[in-house]
Amino acid sequence: MKARVLRVFEQLDAHTDALVLQNSIDPHLDQSFFYLFDVPSGLFEGSVAIAHRDGRLDVLSSLLEEESARQAAKHDSSVTVHAMKDNADREKIVKKLLPNAGTIALNFRELTHETFLQIEKAFPSAKWADASAAVRKARMIKDTSEIARLEKAALIGSAVAKKIPSMLRTGITELELAAEIEYAMGREGAAGRSFATIAGFGPDGAEPHFAPGGRKLEPGMSIVCDFGAFYERYASDITRSFHFGPRDAEMKHVHDTVFAAQEAALAVVRDGAIAKDVHGAAAKVIDASPFRGRFTHGLGHSIGLAVHDGFGMNPLSEEPLQTGMTITIEPGIYLPGKGGVRIEDDIVVTDEGYRFLTKAPREYLEVAA
C-alpha cells in the first residue's frame, strides 16, 4: 500500500502535508479510500484514510469493521489501524495524528459537503488542496495485483456472456434476462454486479443506457446485453449483441460494421496513443458505412475500482494511453425503432499494444428461436 501512497504524492504539491480521504454513507464512498487501503470487503462508512508523504497510512475504522481492517493491514508495516467509537472519537484521533498540519489535500470530487464540514471542524486553521487529479492519475495506472483482479472480473463476465444464448427463449422479459445474467455472475464468483445490467430487446437495444423492462423476447429481435462483475472491489464491463431467430441482413451488416470498428480501434491502441485518435479510428469505419451518425457515444472509458474510473475515450479526449491502463473498447450502432449492436471488451495497455481481459466470442451470433 505504501507504493500507492507514494504514487499519489508524486502528483501532489510539495507543500502538502497529508492527504485525508473520508467516506460518508453508502453510496457516497470514496473508491480512492480503497485504492490506498486495499481491504477486500466491507463498506467502511465514516472511515478515514490519512496518507503521509513518507508513504505511511493511518486508517480509522469503526468497531464494526475493525477486524477486517486489521486483517488487511497485518502484513503491511506502513499501515496502522485505529478503532474509533463514534464521530467525536474520530475527530480526536485525526487531530492527534495530524497535530501540525498546514496544508491538507482532499479528494474534492468524492467529498460530500457534510463530510467536509466534519474535517474542517477538526482542522480549523488548515489550508485545503484538491487531490482529485492526483488520485485520478495514480489510479489510472494499475499495478500487478489490480490487473489480476480486473482480469478475474473480466473472466467472470466472459463466462456469463458465453451462457447468454442458452438463456434466450421466446417470452422471456428483459428484466428476467437481466436477473439471470446477474445470478450467473454470482455463480461464477462475482461479489456483485458492477453496474445495473442492461438487457434491451428489439427497439430497446437502440438506447445505449437502456433500463430493462417488461418487453418480451420475440423471434426476429436483436438483443443487447451490457453487464459487469465486481471481484475483490474491481469491476468488469462487457457487452455482447445477439439476434434471436432467422437472420436479419441489416442487423448482420450492423454487427459486421461494429466488429470492424472495434478492430480498427484496437489496432491504434498502444503506449502513447491519444484517446481521441483511438475513438476516431472506430468512428471512421462507421462513418464510411450506411450507418453514419449512429455511433452516438464515446468509444470507451478507463475501468478499475469503478466502472468509469478516470477518463473517457471520446472525440475530445487528449489523454495519452500508458502501459498499465485498463480501458474498454465499445463501439456501437443504434437504429431507432429497430435495434442496436454494441461490442465491448476490457483490455490492458501493454508495451506491445494491448491484451484482452475479456475473452468471450465477438462474432455475430444468431440464436434459434
Protein backbone atom coordinates (compact mmCIF):
# COMPACT_ATOMS: atom_id res chain seq x y z
CA MET A 1 0.00 0.00 0.00
CA LYS A 2 2.98 2.26 0.56
CA ALA A 3 3.73 2.31 -3.17
CA ARG A 4 0.22 3.60 -3.89
CA VAL A 5 0.51 6.36 -1.31
CA LEU A 6 3.83 7.46 -2.76
CA ARG A 7 2.37 7.38 -6.28
CA VAL A 8 -0.35 9.82 -5.23
CA PHE A 9 2.12 12.14 -3.51
CA GLU A 10 4.20 12.27 -6.68
CA GLN A 11 1.25 14.13 -8.19
CA LEU A 12 0.64 16.48 -5.23
CA ASP A 13 2.23 19.84 -4.48
CA ALA A 14 5.42 19.52 -2.43
CA HIS A 15 3.92 21.64 0.35
CA THR A 16 1.07 19.20 1.00
CA ASP A 17 1.44 17.75 4.49
CA ALA A 18 -1.12 14.94 4.25
CA LEU A 19 -3.95 13.51 2.18
CA VAL A 20 -7.20 12.82 4.01
CA LEU A 21 -9.90 10.61 2.47
CA GLN A 22 -13.11 10.23 4.47
CA ASN A 23 -16.08 8.12 3.48
CA SER A 24 -19.63 9.23 4.01
CA ILE A 25 -22.56 6.79 3.94
CA ASP A 26 -23.09 4.28 1.13
CA PRO A 27 -23.28 5.01 -1.80
CA HIS A 28 -21.07 8.03 -1.05
CA LEU A 29 -17.91 6.00 -0.53
CA ASP A 30 -14.65 7.28 -1.99
CA GLN A 31 -13.15 4.48 -4.06
CA SER A 32 -9.76 6.14 -3.62
CA PHE A 33 -10.02 5.16 0.06
CA PHE A 34 -9.99 1.53 -1.12
CA TYR A 35 -7.18 2.29 -3.55
CA LEU A 36 -4.92 3.41 -0.71
CA PHE A 37 -6.26 0.91 1.82
CA ASP A 38 -6.53 -2.39 -0.04
CA VAL A 39 -9.17 -4.11 2.07
CA PRO A 40 -11.19 -6.76 0.15
CA SER A 41 -14.55 -6.44 1.92
CA GLY A 42 -16.62 -4.06 3.99
CA LEU A 43 -18.33 -0.68 3.49
CA PHE A 44 -16.17 1.39 5.86
CA GLU A 45 -18.81 4.10 6.16
CA GLY A 46 -17.38 7.11 8.01
CA SER A 47 -13.88 5.65 7.91
CA VAL A 48 -10.83 7.81 7.27
CA ALA A 49 -7.53 7.19 5.47
CA ILE A 50 -4.71 9.60 6.32
CA ALA A 51 -1.82 9.29 3.88
CA HIS A 52 1.56 10.77 4.76
CA ARG A 53 4.30 11.97 2.42
CA ASP A 54 6.68 9.21 3.58
CA GLY A 55 4.23 6.50 2.48
CA ARG A 56 2.65 5.75 5.85
CA LEU A 57 -1.10 5.24 6.02
CA ASP A 58 -3.29 5.65 9.08
CA VAL A 59 -6.76 4.11 8.79
CA LEU A 60 -9.61 4.94 11.15
CA SER A 61 -12.21 2.20 11.23
CA SER A 62 -15.42 1.77 13.16
CA LEU A 63 -15.59 -1.09 15.64
CA LEU A 64 -17.96 -2.79 13.20
CA GLU A 65 -15.18 -3.38 10.66
CA GLU A 66 -12.09 -3.21 12.86
CA GLU A 67 -11.25 -6.89 12.39
CA SER A 68 -11.44 -6.65 8.59
CA ALA A 69 -9.21 -3.58 8.69
CA ARG A 70 -6.62 -5.23 10.92
CA GLN A 71 -6.57 -8.37 8.76
CA ALA A 72 -5.92 -6.25 5.66
CA ALA A 73 -3.09 -4.36 7.39
CA LYS A 74 -1.40 -7.16 9.30
CA HIS A 75 1.28 -7.86 6.69
CA ASP A 76 1.93 -4.21 5.78
CA SER A 77 4.08 -2.27 8.25
CA SER A 78 3.25 1.02 6.51
CA VAL A 79 -0.39 0.81 7.63
CA THR A 80 -1.68 1.49 11.14
CA VAL A 81 -5.32 0.83 12.02
CA HIS A 82 -7.11 2.89 14.68
CA ALA A 83 -10.52 1.83 16.01
CA MET A 84 -12.97 4.68 16.63
CA LYS A 85 -16.15 4.54 18.67
CA ASP A 86 -18.06 7.50 17.21
CA ASN A 87 -17.71 10.82 15.40
CA ALA A 88 -16.23 12.54 18.45
CA ASP A 89 -13.65 9.81 18.80
CA ARG A 90 -12.81 10.11 15.09
CA GLU A 91 -12.17 13.84 15.46
CA LYS A 92 -9.95 13.26 18.49
CA ILE A 93 -7.85 10.63 16.68
CA VAL A 94 -7.33 12.63 13.46
CA LYS A 95 -6.23 15.68 15.47
CA LYS A 96 -3.69 13.52 17.29
CA LEU A 97 -2.38 12.04 14.02
CA LEU A 98 -2.05 15.44 12.32
CA PRO A 99 -1.23 17.89 15.13
CA ASN A 100 0.53 20.48 12.98
CA ALA A 101 -0.94 20.05 9.53
CA GLY A 102 -0.72 23.18 7.43
CA THR A 103 -1.96 22.02 4.04
CA ILE A 104 -4.25 19.01 3.76
CA ALA A 105 -5.26 17.53 0.41
CA LEU A 106 -8.83 16.27 -0.02
CA ASN A 107 -10.49 14.42 -2.85
CA PHE A 108 -12.94 17.18 -3.75
CA ARG A 109 -14.55 15.06 -6.45
CA GLU A 110 -15.86 12.49 -3.98
CA LEU A 111 -16.23 14.50 -0.77
CA THR A 112 -19.73 15.34 0.46
CA HIS A 113 -20.31 18.76 1.96
CA GLU A 114 -21.31 17.25 5.29
CA THR A 115 -18.07 15.29 5.47
CA PHE A 116 -16.02 18.35 4.57
CA LEU A 117 -17.57 20.24 7.45
CA GLN A 118 -16.53 17.43 9.81
CA ILE A 119 -12.93 17.59 8.57
CA GLU A 120 -12.92 21.38 8.69
CA LYS A 121 -14.05 21.27 12.32
CA ALA A 122 -11.08 19.04 13.19
CA PHE A 123 -8.60 21.32 11.40
CA PRO A 124 -9.99 24.87 11.54
CA SER A 125 -6.67 26.53 10.61
CA ALA A 126 -5.66 24.17 7.80
CA LYS A 127 -5.31 25.12 4.16
CA TRP A 128 -7.06 22.84 1.68
CA ALA A 129 -5.75 21.43 -1.60
CA ASP A 130 -7.67 19.47 -4.22
CA ALA A 131 -6.22 15.97 -4.65
CA SER A 132 -8.79 14.89 -7.26
CA ALA A 133 -6.39 15.00 -10.21
CA ALA A 134 -3.59 13.34 -8.23
CA VAL A 135 -5.61 10.33 -7.11
CA ARG A 136 -7.17 10.04 -10.57
CA LYS A 137 -3.75 9.89 -12.25
CA ALA A 138 -2.40 7.42 -9.72
CA ARG A 139 -5.39 5.12 -10.10
CA MET A 140 -5.27 5.09 -13.90
CA ILE A 141 -2.04 3.06 -14.00
CA LYS A 142 -2.81 -0.33 -12.50
CA ASP A 143 -0.31 -2.45 -10.59
CA THR A 144 0.03 -6.21 -10.99
CA SER A 145 -2.44 -7.00 -8.22
CA GLU A 146 -5.07 -4.70 -9.68
CA ILE A 147 -4.72 -6.14 -13.18
CA ALA A 148 -5.07 -9.67 -11.81
CA ARG A 149 -8.36 -8.78 -10.12
CA LEU A 150 -9.63 -6.88 -13.16
CA GLU A 151 -8.86 -9.91 -15.29
CA LYS A 152 -10.72 -12.20 -12.90
CA ALA A 153 -13.74 -9.87 -13.02
CA ALA A 154 -13.49 -9.83 -16.81
CA LEU A 155 -13.32 -13.62 -16.98
CA ILE A 156 -16.47 -13.84 -14.86
CA GLY A 157 -18.25 -11.55 -17.32
CA SER A 158 -16.87 -13.52 -20.25
CA ALA A 159 -18.08 -16.84 -18.85
CA VAL A 160 -21.59 -15.42 -18.43
CA ALA A 161 -21.56 -13.88 -21.93
CA LYS A 162 -20.98 -17.35 -23.34
CA LYS A 163 -24.05 -18.62 -21.44
CA ILE A 164 -26.48 -15.93 -22.59
CA PRO A 165 -27.60 -17.81 -25.74
CA SER A 166 -28.81 -20.66 -23.54
CA MET A 167 -30.88 -18.16 -21.51
CA LEU A 168 -32.78 -16.81 -24.51
CA ARG A 169 -36.28 -18.10 -25.12
CA THR A 170 -39.49 -16.75 -26.58
CA GLY A 171 -41.41 -14.78 -23.98
CA ILE A 172 -38.58 -14.04 -21.54
CA THR A 173 -38.66 -10.41 -20.46
CA GLU A 174 -35.74 -8.02 -20.37
CA LEU A 175 -35.94 -7.91 -16.59
CA GLU A 176 -35.90 -11.70 -16.37
CA LEU A 177 -32.85 -11.94 -18.63
CA ALA A 178 -31.04 -9.27 -16.59
CA ALA A 179 -31.79 -11.24 -13.41
CA GLU A 180 -30.48 -14.46 -14.95
CA ILE A 181 -27.29 -12.71 -16.05
CA GLU A 182 -26.69 -11.34 -12.55
CA TYR A 183 -27.42 -14.70 -10.94
CA ALA A 184 -24.96 -16.37 -13.32
CA MET A 185 -22.27 -13.84 -12.41
CA GLY A 186 -22.72 -14.73 -8.75
CA ARG A 187 -22.39 -18.42 -9.57
CA GLU A 188 -19.13 -17.64 -11.39
CA GLY A 189 -17.66 -15.90 -8.34
CA ALA A 190 -18.73 -12.25 -8.60
CA ALA A 191 -19.13 -10.24 -5.42
CA GLY A 192 -21.95 -8.41 -7.16
CA ARG A 193 -22.82 -6.53 -10.32
CA SER A 194 -20.55 -3.59 -11.13
CA PHE A 195 -23.47 -1.57 -12.54
CA ALA A 196 -27.14 -2.03 -13.36
CA THR A 197 -27.38 -4.74 -16.01
CA ILE A 198 -28.68 -3.68 -19.42
CA ALA A 199 -30.81 -6.09 -21.46
CA GLY A 200 -32.56 -4.50 -24.42
CA PHE A 201 -34.73 -6.35 -26.95
CA GLY A 202 -35.51 -5.04 -30.44
CA PRO A 203 -36.01 -1.26 -30.43
CA ASP A 204 -34.90 -1.04 -26.79
CA GLY A 205 -31.41 -2.09 -27.89
CA ALA A 206 -31.15 1.19 -29.79
CA GLU A 207 -30.86 3.07 -26.46
CA PRO A 208 -27.28 2.61 -25.16
CA HIS A 209 -28.13 3.09 -21.46
CA PHE A 210 -31.49 1.36 -21.51
CA ALA A 211 -33.08 0.19 -18.25
CA PRO A 212 -34.65 -3.24 -18.82
CA GLY A 213 -38.41 -3.53 -18.53
CA GLY A 214 -41.26 -5.87 -19.35
CA ARG A 215 -40.71 -6.23 -23.11
CA LYS A 216 -40.85 -9.90 -24.09
CA LEU A 217 -38.42 -11.54 -26.49
CA GLU A 218 -39.90 -12.47 -29.84
CA PRO A 219 -38.36 -14.12 -32.92
CA GLY A 220 -36.70 -11.56 -35.17
CA MET A 221 -35.49 -9.30 -32.36
CA SER A 222 -31.91 -8.18 -31.84
CA ILE A 223 -30.58 -8.21 -28.28
CA VAL A 224 -28.01 -6.03 -26.49
CA CYS A 225 -26.64 -7.22 -23.14
CA ASP A 226 -24.27 -4.93 -21.21
CA PHE A 227 -23.18 -6.08 -17.76
CA GLY A 228 -20.24 -6.44 -15.42
CA ALA A 229 -18.99 -8.09 -12.26
CA PHE A 230 -17.15 -6.97 -9.16
CA TYR A 231 -14.30 -9.16 -7.97
CA GLU A 232 -12.48 -8.03 -4.81
CA ARG A 233 -13.75 -4.49 -5.50
CA TYR A 234 -12.54 -4.38 -9.12
CA ALA A 235 -15.00 -4.12 -12.00
CA SER A 236 -15.55 -5.58 -15.42
CA ASP A 237 -17.77 -4.26 -18.22
CA ILE A 238 -18.70 -6.34 -21.24
CA THR A 239 -21.33 -6.02 -23.96
CA ARG A 240 -22.43 -8.69 -26.40
CA SER A 241 -25.16 -8.46 -29.03
CA PHE A 242 -27.24 -11.30 -30.44
CA HIS A 243 -30.06 -11.94 -32.87
CA PHE A 244 -32.99 -14.16 -31.93
CA GLY A 245 -34.42 -16.21 -34.75
CA PRO A 246 -33.87 -16.01 -38.53
CA ARG A 247 -31.09 -13.78 -39.82
CA ASP A 248 -31.78 -10.10 -40.36
CA ALA A 249 -29.49 -8.94 -43.17
CA GLU A 250 -29.39 -5.34 -41.98
CA MET A 251 -28.56 -6.25 -38.37
CA LYS A 252 -25.88 -8.64 -39.62
CA HIS A 253 -24.39 -5.71 -41.57
CA VAL A 254 -24.58 -3.55 -38.45
CA HIS A 255 -22.77 -6.18 -36.39
CA ASP A 256 -20.06 -6.66 -39.01
CA THR A 257 -19.51 -2.90 -39.12
CA VAL A 258 -19.26 -2.62 -35.34
CA PHE A 259 -16.82 -5.52 -35.27
CA ALA A 260 -14.67 -3.84 -37.93
CA ALA A 261 -14.79 -0.57 -35.98
CA GLN A 262 -13.60 -2.29 -32.83
CA GLU A 263 -10.77 -3.97 -34.71
CA ALA A 264 -9.73 -0.61 -36.19
CA ALA A 265 -9.65 0.98 -32.74
CA LEU A 266 -7.68 -1.88 -31.22
CA ALA A 267 -5.09 -1.53 -33.98
CA VAL A 268 -4.36 2.01 -32.76
CA VAL A 269 -4.06 1.13 -29.06
CA ARG A 270 -0.51 1.40 -27.77
CA ASP A 271 1.52 3.21 -25.14
CA GLY A 272 1.47 6.87 -26.16
CA ALA A 273 -1.63 6.75 -28.36
CA ILE A 274 -4.08 9.60 -27.75
CA ALA A 275 -7.56 8.56 -26.63
CA LYS A 276 -9.37 10.69 -29.22
CA ASP A 277 -7.37 9.03 -32.02
CA VAL A 278 -8.45 5.58 -30.86
CA HIS A 279 -12.06 6.77 -30.88
CA GLY A 280 -11.51 8.30 -34.31
CA ALA A 281 -10.31 5.02 -35.80
CA ALA A 282 -13.60 3.36 -34.88
CA ALA A 283 -15.71 6.34 -35.92
CA LYS A 284 -14.03 6.43 -39.32
CA VAL A 285 -15.16 2.87 -40.07
CA ILE A 286 -18.74 3.57 -39.04
CA ASP A 287 -18.91 6.91 -40.86
CA ALA A 288 -17.83 5.17 -44.07
CA SER A 289 -20.76 2.75 -43.75
CA PRO A 290 -24.50 3.23 -44.37
CA PHE A 291 -24.80 3.83 -40.60
CA ARG A 292 -23.00 7.16 -40.43
CA GLY A 293 -24.16 9.20 -37.45
CA ARG A 294 -25.49 6.21 -35.50
CA PHE A 295 -22.38 5.84 -33.28
CA THR A 296 -23.64 8.17 -30.58
CA HIS A 297 -21.20 7.83 -27.67
CA GLY A 298 -17.52 7.72 -26.84
CA LEU A 299 -15.52 4.63 -27.71
CA GLY A 300 -14.88 3.62 -24.11
CA HIS A 301 -13.50 4.56 -20.72
CA SER A 302 -10.96 3.57 -18.13
CA ILE A 303 -12.05 0.88 -15.69
CA GLY A 304 -10.88 -0.17 -12.24
CA LEU A 305 -12.37 0.25 -8.77
CA ALA A 306 -15.23 2.00 -10.56
CA VAL A 307 -16.69 1.13 -13.94
CA HIS A 308 -15.86 4.65 -15.13
CA ASP A 309 -12.50 5.02 -13.45
CA GLY A 310 -10.79 8.16 -14.63
CA PHE A 311 -11.29 9.25 -18.22
CA GLY A 312 -13.41 8.72 -21.30
CA MET A 313 -12.37 7.76 -24.81
CA ASN A 314 -14.17 10.31 -26.95
CA PRO A 315 -13.50 12.81 -29.78
CA LEU A 316 -12.29 15.45 -27.30
CA SER A 317 -10.11 13.29 -25.04
CA GLU A 318 -6.44 14.27 -25.14
CA GLU A 319 -5.49 11.57 -22.60
CA PRO A 320 -2.37 9.64 -23.69
CA LEU A 321 -2.65 5.90 -23.17
CA GLN A 322 0.03 4.40 -20.96
CA THR A 323 1.19 0.89 -20.23
CA GLY A 324 -0.84 -0.44 -17.30
CA MET A 325 -4.03 1.44 -18.12
CA THR A 326 -7.16 -0.70 -18.30
CA ILE A 327 -9.85 0.55 -20.67
CA THR A 328 -12.97 -0.54 -22.51
CA ILE A 329 -13.33 -0.51 -26.28
CA GLU A 330 -17.04 -0.41 -27.12
CA PRO A 331 -18.21 0.91 -30.50
CA GLY A 332 -21.90 0.65 -31.26
CA ILE A 333 -24.51 1.40 -33.89
CA TYR A 334 -28.11 2.17 -32.95
CA LEU A 335 -31.10 2.18 -35.31
CA PRO A 336 -34.09 3.86 -33.62
CA GLY A 337 -37.24 1.76 -33.78
CA LYS A 338 -35.35 -1.38 -34.79
CA GLY A 339 -32.38 -2.27 -32.61
CA GLY A 340 -28.71 -1.83 -31.88
CA VAL A 341 -25.38 -3.58 -31.72
CA ARG A 342 -22.54 -2.87 -29.30
CA ILE A 343 -19.40 -4.95 -28.79
CA GLU A 344 -17.46 -4.09 -25.66
CA ASP A 345 -14.27 -5.56 -24.28
CA ASP A 346 -11.92 -4.75 -21.43
CA ILE A 347 -8.22 -4.53 -22.30
CA VAL A 348 -4.96 -3.56 -20.63
CA VAL A 349 -2.49 -1.37 -22.48
CA THR A 350 0.92 -3.04 -22.78
CA ASP A 351 4.32 -2.08 -24.16
CA GLU A 352 3.48 -4.07 -27.28
CA GLY A 353 -0.06 -2.71 -27.70
CA TYR A 354 -2.80 -4.32 -25.62
CA ARG A 355 -4.06 -7.55 -24.11
CA PHE A 356 -7.67 -8.69 -23.84
CA LEU A 357 -9.04 -9.15 -20.34
CA THR A 358 -12.49 -10.23 -21.58
CA LYS A 359 -12.44 -13.37 -23.69
CA ALA A 360 -15.98 -14.11 -24.91
CA PRO A 361 -16.57 -14.61 -28.67
CA ARG A 362 -17.28 -11.35 -30.51
CA GLU A 363 -18.72 -12.70 -33.74
CA TYR A 364 -22.32 -12.29 -34.91
CA LEU A 365 -24.44 -14.94 -33.23
CA GLU A 366 -27.92 -15.98 -34.27
CA VAL A 367 -29.80 -17.89 -31.59
CA ALA A 368 -32.51 -20.26 -32.75
CA ALA A 369 -35.98 -19.20 -31.61
